[in-house]
Full PDB file with SEQRES, HELIX, SHEET, SSBOND, CRYST1, ORIGX, SCALE, CONECT and MASTER records, all heavy atoms in Angstrom:
SEQRES   1 A   31  ASP LEU ALA ARG SER LYS ARG PHE TYR SER GLU GLY PHE          
SEQRES   2 A   31  GLY TRP ALA PRO VAL PHE GLU ASN ALA GLU ILE ALA PHE          
SEQRES   3 A   31  TYR GLN MET ASN GLY                                          
HELIX    1 AA1 LEU A    2  ARG A    7  1                                   6    
HELIX    2 AA2 PHE A    8  PHE A   13  3                                   6    
SHEET    1 AA1 2 PHE A  19  GLU A  20  0                                        
SHEET    2 AA1 2 ALA A  25  PHE A  26 -1                                        
CRYST1    1.000    1.000    1.000  90.00  90.00  90.00 P 1           1          
ORIGX1      1.000000  0.000000  0.000000        0.00000                         
ORIGX2      0.000000  1.000000  0.000000        0.00000                         
ORIGX3      0.000000  0.000000  1.000000        0.00000                         
SCALE1      1.000000  0.000000  0.000000        0.00000                         
SCALE2      0.000000  1.000000  0.000000        0.00000                         
SCALE3      0.000000  0.000000  1.000000        0.00000                         
ATOM      1  N   ASP A   1     103.960 -59.747-176.883  1.00  0.00           N  
ATOM      2  CA  ASP A   1     103.653 -58.908-175.724  1.00  0.00           C  
ATOM      3  C   ASP A   1     103.626 -59.820-174.498  1.00  0.00           C  
ATOM      4  O   ASP A   1     102.736 -60.643-174.357  1.00  0.00           O  
ATOM      5  CB  ASP A   1     102.293 -58.224-175.936  1.00  0.00           C  
ATOM      6  CG  ASP A   1     101.887 -57.288-174.840  1.00  0.00           C  
ATOM      7  OD1 ASP A   1     101.913 -57.726-173.659  1.00  0.00           O  
ATOM      8  OD2 ASP A   1     101.502 -56.150-175.130  1.00  0.00           O  
ATOM      9  N   LEU A   2     104.622 -59.645-173.601  1.00  0.00           N  
ATOM     10  CA  LEU A   2     104.730 -60.523-172.447  1.00  0.00           C  
ATOM     11  C   LEU A   2     103.546 -60.433-171.488  1.00  0.00           C  
ATOM     12  O   LEU A   2     102.996 -61.446-171.081  1.00  0.00           O  
ATOM     13  CB  LEU A   2     106.021 -60.195-171.707  1.00  0.00           C  
ATOM     14  CG  LEU A   2     106.354 -61.169-170.555  1.00  0.00           C  
ATOM     15  CD1 LEU A   2     106.528 -62.563-171.080  1.00  0.00           C  
ATOM     16  CD2 LEU A   2     107.596 -60.749-169.850  1.00  0.00           C  
ATOM     17  N   ALA A   3     103.012 -59.229-171.248  1.00  0.00           N  
ATOM     18  CA  ALA A   3     101.861 -59.100-170.343  1.00  0.00           C  
ATOM     19  C   ALA A   3     100.642 -59.774-170.922  1.00  0.00           C  
ATOM     20  O   ALA A   3      99.885 -60.483-170.180  1.00  0.00           O  
ATOM     21  CB  ALA A   3     101.598 -57.641-170.071  1.00  0.00           C  
ATOM     22  N   ARG A   4     100.428 -59.583-172.204  1.00  0.00           N  
ATOM     23  CA  ARG A   4      99.247 -60.212-172.858  1.00  0.00           C  
ATOM     24  C   ARG A   4      99.392 -61.730-172.837  1.00  0.00           C  
ATOM     25  O   ARG A   4      98.407 -62.439-172.547  1.00  0.00           O  
ATOM     26  CB  ARG A   4      99.142 -59.715-174.295  1.00  0.00           C  
ATOM     27  CG  ARG A   4      97.985 -60.211-175.064  1.00  0.00           C  
ATOM     28  CD  ARG A   4      98.000 -59.645-176.466  1.00  0.00           C  
ATOM     29  NE  ARG A   4      99.087 -60.293-177.199  1.00  0.00           N  
ATOM     30  CZ  ARG A   4      99.391 -59.998-178.451  1.00  0.00           C  
ATOM     31  NH1 ARG A   4      98.746 -59.052-179.098  1.00  0.00           N  
ATOM     32  NH2 ARG A   4     100.367 -60.631-179.034  1.00  0.00           N  
ATOM     33  N   SER A   5     100.571 -62.209-173.087  1.00  0.00           N  
ATOM     34  CA  SER A   5     100.794 -63.662-173.050  1.00  0.00           C  
ATOM     35  C   SER A   5     100.620 -64.249-171.657  1.00  0.00           C  
ATOM     36  O   SER A   5      99.956 -65.305-171.453  1.00  0.00           O  
ATOM     37  CB  SER A   5     102.242 -63.944-173.543  1.00  0.00           C  
ATOM     38  OG  SER A   5     102.505 -65.331-173.491  1.00  0.00           O  
ATOM     39  N   LYS A   6     101.167 -63.539-170.637  1.00  0.00           N  
ATOM     40  CA  LYS A   6     101.015 -63.993-169.264  1.00  0.00           C  
ATOM     41  C   LYS A   6      99.543 -64.035-168.820  1.00  0.00           C  
ATOM     42  O   LYS A   6      99.113 -64.933-168.120  1.00  0.00           O  
ATOM     43  CB  LYS A   6     101.814 -63.140-168.310  1.00  0.00           C  
ATOM     44  CG  LYS A   6     103.300 -63.479-168.317  1.00  0.00           C  
ATOM     45  CD  LYS A   6     104.114 -62.582-167.423  1.00  0.00           C  
ATOM     46  CE  LYS A   6     103.423 -62.088-166.186  1.00  0.00           C  
ATOM     47  NZ  LYS A   6     104.188 -61.122-165.449  1.00  0.00           N  
ATOM     48  N   ARG A   7      98.750 -63.077-169.326  1.00  0.00           N  
ATOM     49  CA  ARG A   7      97.329 -63.110-169.004  1.00  0.00           C  
ATOM     50  C   ARG A   7      96.663 -64.363-169.544  1.00  0.00           C  
ATOM     51  O   ARG A   7      95.871 -65.047-168.851  1.00  0.00           O  
ATOM     52  CB  ARG A   7      96.632 -61.863-169.561  1.00  0.00           C  
ATOM     53  CG  ARG A   7      95.146 -61.870-169.317  1.00  0.00           C  
ATOM     54  CD  ARG A   7      94.456 -60.555-169.808  1.00  0.00           C  
ATOM     55  NE  ARG A   7      93.066 -60.705-169.567  1.00  0.00           N  
ATOM     56  CZ  ARG A   7      92.131 -60.745-170.531  1.00  0.00           C  
ATOM     57  NH1 ARG A   7      92.450 -60.652-171.787  1.00  0.00           N  
ATOM     58  NH2 ARG A   7      90.853 -60.886-170.210  1.00  0.00           N  
ATOM     59  N   PHE A   8      96.981 -64.717-170.816  1.00  0.00           N  
ATOM     60  CA  PHE A   8      96.398 -65.885-171.399  1.00  0.00           C  
ATOM     61  C   PHE A   8      96.786 -67.143-170.620  1.00  0.00           C  
ATOM     62  O   PHE A   8      95.916 -67.951-170.264  1.00  0.00           O  
ATOM     63  CB  PHE A   8      96.885 -66.034-172.875  1.00  0.00           C  
ATOM     64  CG  PHE A   8      96.418 -67.292-173.572  1.00  0.00           C  
ATOM     65  CD1 PHE A   8      95.182 -67.311-174.112  1.00  0.00           C  
ATOM     66  CD2 PHE A   8      97.240 -68.369-173.661  1.00  0.00           C  
ATOM     67  CE1 PHE A   8      94.666 -68.444-174.795  1.00  0.00           C  
ATOM     68  CE2 PHE A   8      96.787 -69.557-174.332  1.00  0.00           C  
ATOM     69  CZ  PHE A   8      95.537 -69.586-174.897  1.00  0.00           C  
ATOM     70  N   TYR A   9      98.043 -67.334-170.318  1.00  0.00           N  
ATOM     71  CA  TYR A   9      98.468 -68.568-169.665  1.00  0.00           C  
ATOM     72  C   TYR A   9      98.099 -68.559-168.136  1.00  0.00           C  
ATOM     73  O   TYR A   9      97.753 -69.608-167.613  1.00  0.00           O  
ATOM     74  CB  TYR A   9      99.966 -68.778-169.864  1.00  0.00           C  
ATOM     75  CG  TYR A   9     100.227 -69.167-171.304  1.00  0.00           C  
ATOM     76  CD1 TYR A   9     100.655 -68.222-172.251  1.00  0.00           C  
ATOM     77  CD2 TYR A   9      99.945 -70.453-171.767  1.00  0.00           C  
ATOM     78  CE1 TYR A   9     100.821 -68.573-173.572  1.00  0.00           C  
ATOM     79  CE2 TYR A   9     100.149 -70.805-173.078  1.00  0.00           C  
ATOM     80  CZ  TYR A   9     100.545 -69.878-173.957  1.00  0.00           C  
ATOM     81  OH  TYR A   9     100.729 -70.221-175.301  1.00  0.00           O  
ATOM     82  N   SER A  10      98.131 -67.418-167.502  1.00  0.00           N  
ATOM     83  CA  SER A  10      97.824 -67.360-166.090  1.00  0.00           C  
ATOM     84  C   SER A  10      96.336 -67.391-165.810  1.00  0.00           C  
ATOM     85  O   SER A  10      95.873 -68.154-164.927  1.00  0.00           O  
ATOM     86  CB  SER A  10      98.474 -66.151-165.436  1.00  0.00           C  
ATOM     87  OG  SER A  10      99.894 -66.227-165.479  1.00  0.00           O  
ATOM     88  N   GLU A  11      95.623 -66.577-166.533  1.00  0.00           N  
ATOM     89  CA  GLU A  11      94.178 -66.510-166.264  1.00  0.00           C  
ATOM     90  C   GLU A  11      93.415 -67.623-167.038  1.00  0.00           C  
ATOM     91  O   GLU A  11      92.428 -68.102-166.528  1.00  0.00           O  
ATOM     92  CB  GLU A  11      93.588 -65.142-166.701  1.00  0.00           C  
ATOM     93  CG  GLU A  11      94.105 -63.981-165.787  1.00  0.00           C  
ATOM     94  CD  GLU A  11      93.560 -62.610-166.228  1.00  0.00           C  
ATOM     95  OE1 GLU A  11      92.560 -62.594-166.939  1.00  0.00           O  
ATOM     96  OE2 GLU A  11      94.197 -61.639-165.821  1.00  0.00           O  
ATOM     97  N   GLY A  12      93.874 -67.916-168.269  1.00  0.00           N  
ATOM     98  CA  GLY A  12      93.183 -68.921-169.058  1.00  0.00           C  
ATOM     99  C   GLY A  12      93.412 -70.328-168.517  1.00  0.00           C  
ATOM    100  O   GLY A  12      92.468 -71.057-168.232  1.00  0.00           O  
ATOM    101  N   PHE A  13      94.666 -70.740-168.406  1.00  0.00           N  
ATOM    102  CA  PHE A  13      94.994 -72.072-167.919  1.00  0.00           C  
ATOM    103  C   PHE A  13      95.119 -72.124-166.415  1.00  0.00           C  
ATOM    104  O   PHE A  13      95.079 -73.201-165.837  1.00  0.00           O  
ATOM    105  CB  PHE A  13      96.341 -72.579-168.543  1.00  0.00           C  
ATOM    106  CG  PHE A  13      96.222 -73.099-169.927  1.00  0.00           C  
ATOM    107  CD1 PHE A  13      96.885 -72.515-170.952  1.00  0.00           C  
ATOM    108  CD2 PHE A  13      95.475 -74.252-170.199  1.00  0.00           C  
ATOM    109  CE1 PHE A  13      96.821 -72.989-172.264  1.00  0.00           C  
ATOM    110  CE2 PHE A  13      95.420 -74.768-171.504  1.00  0.00           C  
ATOM    111  CZ  PHE A  13      96.086 -74.109-172.547  1.00  0.00           C  
ATOM    112  N   GLY A  14      95.376 -70.969-165.793  1.00  0.00           N  
ATOM    113  CA  GLY A  14      95.616 -70.962-164.340  1.00  0.00           C  
ATOM    114  C   GLY A  14      97.036 -71.324-163.959  1.00  0.00           C  
ATOM    115  O   GLY A  14      97.321 -71.746-162.858  1.00  0.00           O  
ATOM    116  N   TRP A  15      97.978 -71.158-164.894  1.00  0.00           N  
ATOM    117  CA  TRP A  15      99.390 -71.465-164.648  1.00  0.00           C  
ATOM    118  C   TRP A  15     100.121 -70.267-164.081  1.00  0.00           C  
ATOM    119  O   TRP A  15      99.882 -69.123-164.512  1.00  0.00           O  
ATOM    120  CB  TRP A  15     100.047 -71.925-165.909  1.00  0.00           C  
ATOM    121  CG  TRP A  15      99.449 -73.146-166.559  1.00  0.00           C  
ATOM    122  CD1 TRP A  15      98.623 -74.038-165.975  1.00  0.00           C  
ATOM    123  CD2 TRP A  15      99.636 -73.582-167.881  1.00  0.00           C  
ATOM    124  NE1 TRP A  15      98.267 -75.053-166.842  1.00  0.00           N  
ATOM    125  CE2 TRP A  15      98.857 -74.737-168.067  1.00  0.00           C  
ATOM    126  CE3 TRP A  15     100.335 -73.094-168.992  1.00  0.00           C  
ATOM    127  CZ2 TRP A  15      98.836 -75.475-169.267  1.00  0.00           C  
ATOM    128  CZ3 TRP A  15     100.278 -73.776-170.168  1.00  0.00           C  
ATOM    129  CH2 TRP A  15      99.522 -74.947-170.295  1.00  0.00           C  
ATOM    130  N   ALA A  16     101.079 -70.477-163.191  1.00  0.00           N  
ATOM    131  CA  ALA A  16     101.868 -69.428-162.607  1.00  0.00           C  
ATOM    132  C   ALA A  16     103.298 -69.558-163.121  1.00  0.00           C  
ATOM    133  O   ALA A  16     103.878 -70.685-163.091  1.00  0.00           O  
ATOM    134  CB  ALA A  16     101.861 -69.476-161.085  1.00  0.00           C  
ATOM    135  N   PRO A  17     103.929 -68.483-163.552  1.00  0.00           N  
ATOM    136  CA  PRO A  17     105.326 -68.605-163.961  1.00  0.00           C  
ATOM    137  C   PRO A  17     106.211 -68.930-162.791  1.00  0.00           C  
ATOM    138  O   PRO A  17     105.973 -68.515-161.650  1.00  0.00           O  
ATOM    139  CB  PRO A  17     105.671 -67.170-164.476  1.00  0.00           C  
ATOM    140  CG  PRO A  17     104.379 -66.496-164.710  1.00  0.00           C  
ATOM    141  CD  PRO A  17     103.396 -67.148-163.755  1.00  0.00           C  
ATOM    142  N   VAL A  18     107.278 -69.769-163.045  1.00  0.00           N  
ATOM    143  CA  VAL A  18     108.245 -70.075-162.032  1.00  0.00           C  
ATOM    144  C   VAL A  18     109.401 -69.122-162.076  1.00  0.00           C  
ATOM    145  O   VAL A  18     110.214 -69.030-161.194  1.00  0.00           O  
ATOM    146  CB  VAL A  18     108.741 -71.530-162.122  1.00  0.00           C  
ATOM    147  CG1 VAL A  18     107.630 -72.500-161.757  1.00  0.00           C  
ATOM    148  CG2 VAL A  18     109.332 -71.824-163.446  1.00  0.00           C  
ATOM    149  N   PHE A  19     109.531 -68.414-163.252  1.00  0.00           N  
ATOM    150  CA  PHE A  19     110.528 -67.391-163.432  1.00  0.00           C  
ATOM    151  C   PHE A  19     110.043 -66.466-164.498  1.00  0.00           C  
ATOM    152  O   PHE A  19     109.384 -66.883-165.453  1.00  0.00           O  
ATOM    153  CB  PHE A  19     111.886 -67.974-163.917  1.00  0.00           C  
ATOM    154  CG  PHE A  19     112.869 -66.950-164.235  1.00  0.00           C  
ATOM    155  CD1 PHE A  19     113.697 -66.380-163.256  1.00  0.00           C  
ATOM    156  CD2 PHE A  19     112.999 -66.452-165.554  1.00  0.00           C  
ATOM    157  CE1 PHE A  19     114.626 -65.362-163.602  1.00  0.00           C  
ATOM    158  CE2 PHE A  19     113.917 -65.480-165.893  1.00  0.00           C  
ATOM    159  CZ  PHE A  19     114.700 -64.920-164.866  1.00  0.00           C  
ATOM    160  N   GLU A  20     110.312 -65.161-164.280  1.00  0.00           N  
ATOM    161  CA  GLU A  20     109.997 -64.186-165.320  1.00  0.00           C  
ATOM    162  C   GLU A  20     110.848 -62.981-165.158  1.00  0.00           C  
ATOM    163  O   GLU A  20     111.346 -62.679-164.064  1.00  0.00           O  
ATOM    164  CB  GLU A  20     108.489 -63.818-165.251  1.00  0.00           C  
ATOM    165  CG  GLU A  20     108.064 -63.164-163.942  1.00  0.00           C  
ATOM    166  CD  GLU A  20     106.564 -62.891-163.940  1.00  0.00           C  
ATOM    167  OE1 GLU A  20     106.116 -61.980-164.626  1.00  0.00           O  
ATOM    168  OE2 GLU A  20     105.897 -63.611-163.174  1.00  0.00           O  
ATOM    169  N   ASN A  21     111.112 -62.320-166.300  1.00  0.00           N  
ATOM    170  CA  ASN A  21     111.754 -61.017-166.296  1.00  0.00           C  
ATOM    171  C   ASN A  21     111.091 -60.180-167.389  1.00  0.00           C  
ATOM    172  O   ASN A  21     109.955 -60.510-167.799  1.00  0.00           O  
ATOM    173  CB  ASN A  21     113.297 -61.189-166.504  1.00  0.00           C  
ATOM    174  CG  ASN A  21     113.691 -61.808-167.846  1.00  0.00           C  
ATOM    175  OD1 ASN A  21     112.967 -61.724-168.808  1.00  0.00           O  
ATOM    176  ND2 ASN A  21     114.844 -62.435-167.889  1.00  0.00           N  
ATOM    177  N   ALA A  22     111.722 -59.172-167.883  1.00  0.00           N  
ATOM    178  CA  ALA A  22     111.082 -58.248-168.838  1.00  0.00           C  
ATOM    179  C   ALA A  22     110.927 -58.893-170.236  1.00  0.00           C  
ATOM    180  O   ALA A  22     110.216 -58.369-171.046  1.00  0.00           O  
ATOM    181  CB  ALA A  22     111.834 -56.954-168.948  1.00  0.00           C  
ATOM    182  N   GLU A  23     111.587 -60.025-170.455  1.00  0.00           N  
ATOM    183  CA  GLU A  23     111.557 -60.685-171.813  1.00  0.00           C  
ATOM    184  C   GLU A  23     110.922 -62.022-171.873  1.00  0.00           C  
ATOM    185  O   GLU A  23     110.483 -62.421-172.948  1.00  0.00           O  
ATOM    186  CB  GLU A  23     113.026 -60.839-172.314  1.00  0.00           C  
ATOM    187  CG  GLU A  23     113.809 -59.572-172.416  1.00  0.00           C  
ATOM    188  CD  GLU A  23     115.242 -59.898-172.841  1.00  0.00           C  
ATOM    189  OE1 GLU A  23     115.660 -61.088-172.891  1.00  0.00           O  
ATOM    190  OE2 GLU A  23     115.998 -58.926-173.092  1.00  0.00           O  
ATOM    191  N   ILE A  24     110.850 -62.741-170.782  1.00  0.00           N  
ATOM    192  CA  ILE A  24     110.504 -64.150-170.830  1.00  0.00           C  
ATOM    193  C   ILE A  24     109.716 -64.542-169.570  1.00  0.00           C  
ATOM    194  O   ILE A  24     109.920 -63.965-168.499  1.00  0.00           O  
ATOM    195  CB  ILE A  24     111.737 -65.038-170.995  1.00  0.00           C  
ATOM    196  CG1 ILE A  24     111.437 -66.425-171.476  1.00  0.00           C  
ATOM    197  CG2 ILE A  24     112.655 -64.993-169.754  1.00  0.00           C  
ATOM    198  CD1 ILE A  24     112.606 -67.175-171.993  1.00  0.00           C  
ATOM    199  N   ALA A  25     108.882 -65.546-169.716  1.00  0.00           N  
ATOM    200  CA  ALA A  25     108.248 -66.189-168.592  1.00  0.00           C  
ATOM    201  C   ALA A  25     108.361 -67.706-168.772  1.00  0.00           C  
ATOM    202  O   ALA A  25     108.159 -68.201-169.918  1.00  0.00           O  
ATOM    203  CB  ALA A  25     106.766 -65.793-168.481  1.00  0.00           C  
ATOM    204  N   PHE A  26     108.742 -68.410-167.745  1.00  0.00           N  
ATOM    205  CA  PHE A  26     108.859 -69.891-167.774  1.00  0.00           C  
ATOM    206  C   PHE A  26     107.794 -70.450-166.857  1.00  0.00           C  
ATOM    207  O   PHE A  26     107.581 -69.968-165.750  1.00  0.00           O  
ATOM    208  CB  PHE A  26     110.234 -70.351-167.265  1.00  0.00           C  
ATOM    209  CG  PHE A  26     111.329 -70.142-168.215  1.00  0.00           C  
ATOM    210  CD1 PHE A  26     112.374 -69.251-167.898  1.00  0.00           C  
ATOM    211  CD2 PHE A  26     111.388 -70.801-169.456  1.00  0.00           C  
ATOM    212  CE1 PHE A  26     113.431 -69.041-168.768  1.00  0.00           C  
ATOM    213  CE2 PHE A  26     112.425 -70.580-170.350  1.00  0.00           C  
ATOM    214  CZ  PHE A  26     113.464 -69.704-170.005  1.00  0.00           C  
ATOM    215  N   TYR A  27     107.130 -71.494-167.348  1.00  0.00           N  
ATOM    216  CA  TYR A  27     106.100 -72.186-166.601  1.00  0.00           C  
ATOM    217  C   TYR A  27     106.568 -73.657-166.407  1.00  0.00           C  
ATOM    218  O   TYR A  27     106.886 -74.348-167.405  1.00  0.00           O  
ATOM    219  CB  TYR A  27     104.758 -72.246-167.359  1.00  0.00           C  
ATOM    220  CG  TYR A  27     104.250 -70.882-167.650  1.00  0.00           C  
ATOM    221  CD1 TYR A  27     104.677 -70.141-168.783  1.00  0.00           C  
ATOM    222  CD2 TYR A  27     103.342 -70.223-166.793  1.00  0.00           C  
ATOM    223  CE1 TYR A  27     104.187 -68.840-169.031  1.00  0.00           C  
ATOM    224  CE2 TYR A  27     102.879 -68.931-167.054  1.00  0.00           C  
ATOM    225  CZ  TYR A  27     103.323 -68.262-168.175  1.00  0.00           C  
ATOM    226  OH  TYR A  27     102.858 -66.971-168.427  1.00  0.00           O  
ATOM    227  N   GLN A  28     106.667 -74.109-165.169  1.00  0.00           N  
ATOM    228  CA  GLN A  28     107.035 -75.497-164.915  1.00  0.00           C  
ATOM    229  C   GLN A  28     105.874 -76.382-165.231  1.00  0.00           C  
ATOM    230  O   GLN A  28     104.775 -76.228-164.688  1.00  0.00           O  
ATOM    231  CB  GLN A  28     107.403 -75.715-163.436  1.00  0.00           C  
ATOM    232  CG  GLN A  28     107.821 -77.119-163.097  1.00  0.00           C  
ATOM    233  CD  GLN A  28     109.077 -77.535-163.825  1.00  0.00           C  
ATOM    234  OE1 GLN A  28     110.120 -76.926-163.664  1.00  0.00           O  
ATOM    235  NE2 GLN A  28     108.984 -78.583-164.628  1.00  0.00           N  
ATOM    236  N   MET A  29     106.081 -77.335-166.184  1.00  0.00           N  
ATOM    237  CA  MET A  29     105.012 -78.225-166.584  1.00  0.00           C  
ATOM    238  C   MET A  29     105.273 -79.573-165.930  1.00  0.00           C  
ATOM    239  O   MET A  29     106.201 -79.712-165.070  1.00  0.00           O  
ATOM    240  CB  MET A  29     104.978 -78.301-168.085  1.00  0.00           C  
ATOM    241  CG  MET A  29     104.903 -76.900-168.773  1.00  0.00           C  
ATOM    242  SD  MET A  29     103.549 -75.883-168.282  1.00  0.00           S  
ATOM    243  CE  MET A  29     102.205 -76.685-169.175  1.00  0.00           C  
ATOM    244  N   ASN A  30     104.564 -80.551-166.305  1.00  0.00           N  
ATOM    245  CA  ASN A  30     104.777 -81.894-165.794  1.00  0.00           C  
ATOM    246  C   ASN A  30     105.832 -82.623-166.602  1.00  0.00           C  
ATOM    247  O   ASN A  30     105.548 -83.434-167.432  1.00  0.00           O  
ATOM    248  CB  ASN A  30     103.439 -82.658-165.778  1.00  0.00           C  
ATOM    249  CG  ASN A  30     102.781 -82.635-167.149  1.00  0.00           C  
ATOM    250  OD1 ASN A  30     103.100 -81.879-168.005  1.00  0.00           O  
ATOM    251  ND2 ASN A  30     101.775 -83.484-167.323  1.00  0.00           N  
ATOM    252  N   GLY A  31     107.085 -82.354-166.289  1.00  0.00           N  
ATOM    253  CA  GLY A  31     108.195 -83.009-166.987  1.00  0.00           C  
ATOM    254  C   GLY A  31     108.993 -82.157-167.941  1.00  0.00           C  
ATOM    255  O   GLY A  31     109.972 -82.618-168.497  1.00  0.00           O  
TER     256      GLY A  31                                                      
MASTER        0    0    0    2    2    0    0    6  255    1    0    3          
END                                                                             
C-alpha cells in the first residue's frame, strides 16, 4: 500500500519523496 508506506517513511523518519507516482516513491538518501 503506497499511502501506508509513505506515511511510515514521511511521518516516521521525516523523509520526503523526490519522485512518486501511483506505484512507487523514491527517497534520495545520502549516496
